């Protein structure tokens, strides 16, 4: 496992990600690209702070958020439509 410093991820990015996870709200272009696993597009859309934290953000998604809400366009679309949410639990490691 890679060691990641989640504190490098901008707070606004984490807050948007938590809104997506907890309330099924759409996110902007950068996070949409991360969530759909389009990392070339994510890097192109990221501001300098998110570019610097992209590895940490991807690691956070891999280890900390439900797998059914990210990884492909289909998973993101289903999540936004409140499908595939059975058994969803999420704890906010960064917001405690």
Protein backbone atom coordinates (compact mmCIF):
# COMPACT_ATOMS: atom_id res chain seq x y z
CA UNK A 1 0.00 0.00 0.00
CA UNK A 2 1.19 3.49 -0.75
CA UNK A 3 1.56 5.88 2.13
CA UNK A 4 -0.50 9.00 1.50
CA UNK A 5 -0.72 12.31 3.29
CA UNK A 6 -4.41 13.12 3.00
CA UNK A 7 -3.78 16.55 4.53
CA UNK A 8 -2.34 17.58 1.13
CA UNK A 9 -5.82 17.36 -0.40
CA UNK A 10 -7.47 20.80 -0.45
CA UNK A 11 -10.30 21.06 2.07
CA UNK A 12 -12.72 22.32 -0.59
CA UNK A 13 -12.01 19.20 -2.64
CA UNK A 14 -12.68 16.90 0.32
CA UNK A 15 -15.86 18.81 1.16
CA UNK A 16 -17.14 18.45 -2.42
CA UNK A 17 -16.25 14.76 -2.40
CA UNK A 18 -18.15 14.23 0.86
CA UNK A 19 -21.21 16.04 -0.55
CA UNK A 20 -21.08 13.67 -3.52
CA UNK A 21 -20.70 10.60 -1.30
CA UNK A 22 -23.18 11.48 1.42
CA UNK A 23 -25.84 13.35 -0.57
CA UNK A 24 -25.32 12.12 -4.15
CA UNK A 25 -24.66 15.66 -5.36
CA UNK A 26 -22.80 16.25 -8.63
CA UNK A 27 -19.26 17.61 -8.51
CA UNK A 28 -17.25 19.79 -10.87
CA UNK A 29 -15.21 18.73 -13.85
CA UNK A 30 -12.00 17.94 -11.98
CA UNK A 31 -13.61 15.66 -9.38
CA UNK A 32 -15.88 14.12 -12.00
CA UNK A 33 -12.78 13.13 -13.93
CA UNK A 34 -11.19 11.65 -10.81
CA UNK A 35 -14.36 9.73 -9.92
CA UNK A 36 -14.77 8.34 -13.44
CA UNK A 37 -11.11 7.32 -13.44
CA UNK A 38 -10.18 9.66 -16.29
CA UNK A 39 -6.91 10.76 -14.74
CA UNK A 40 -5.46 12.49 -17.80
CA UNK A 41 -8.51 14.75 -17.89
CA UNK A 42 -8.38 15.18 -14.10
CA UNK A 43 -4.80 16.39 -14.27
CA UNK A 44 -5.66 18.77 -17.11
CA UNK A 45 -8.64 20.22 -15.18
CA UNK A 46 -6.93 20.49 -11.79
CA UNK A 47 -5.71 23.72 -10.30
CA UNK A 48 -2.15 23.68 -8.98
CA UNK A 49 -3.21 22.59 -5.47
CA UNK A 50 -5.22 19.64 -6.77
CA UNK A 51 -2.48 18.70 -9.24
CA UNK A 52 -0.04 18.49 -6.34
CA UNK A 53 -2.47 16.34 -4.36
CA UNK A 54 -3.76 14.11 -7.16
CA UNK A 55 -1.94 10.98 -5.94
CA UNK A 56 -3.27 11.50 -2.42
CA UNK A 57 -6.79 12.09 -3.73
CA UNK A 58 -6.73 8.90 -5.81
CA UNK A 59 -5.37 6.98 -2.83
CA UNK A 60 -8.13 8.47 -0.65
CA UNK A 61 -10.77 7.35 -3.13
CA UNK A 62 -9.29 3.87 -3.34
CA UNK A 63 -9.06 3.27 0.40
CA UNK A 64 -11.67 5.53 2.01
CA UNK A 65 -14.82 5.85 -0.08
CA UNK A 66 -17.36 3.23 -1.20
CA UNK A 67 -16.19 1.42 -4.32
CA UNK A 68 -19.67 1.55 -5.82
CA UNK A 69 -19.55 5.36 -6.13
CA UNK A 70 -16.39 5.77 -8.21
CA UNK A 71 -14.17 4.10 -10.81
CA UNK A 72 -16.19 4.45 -14.00
CA UNK A 73 -18.74 6.68 -15.70
CA UNK A 74 -21.42 4.05 -15.08
CA UNK A 75 -20.74 3.89 -11.33
CA UNK A 76 -20.83 7.69 -11.02
CA UNK A 77 -24.05 7.92 -13.04
CA UNK A 78 -25.65 5.20 -10.88
CA UNK A 79 -24.50 6.94 -7.70
CA UNK A 80 -25.94 10.27 -8.79
CA UNK A 81 -29.22 8.49 -9.60
CA UNK A 82 -29.21 6.87 -6.12
CA UNK A 83 -28.64 3.39 -7.53
CA UNK A 84 -26.12 0.91 -6.10
CA UNK A 85 -26.21 2.44 -2.62
CA UNK A 86 -27.18 -0.64 -0.63
CA UNK A 87 -24.92 -1.02 2.37
CA UNK A 88 -23.39 2.42 1.94
CA UNK A 89 -21.53 3.59 5.01
CA UNK A 90 -18.92 6.30 5.07
CA UNK A 91 -16.84 7.78 7.81
CA UNK A 92 -15.13 11.11 7.42
CA UNK A 93 -11.55 10.47 8.43
CA UNK A 94 -10.51 14.00 7.53
CA UNK A 95 -13.38 15.86 9.12
CA UNK A 96 -13.12 14.44 12.63
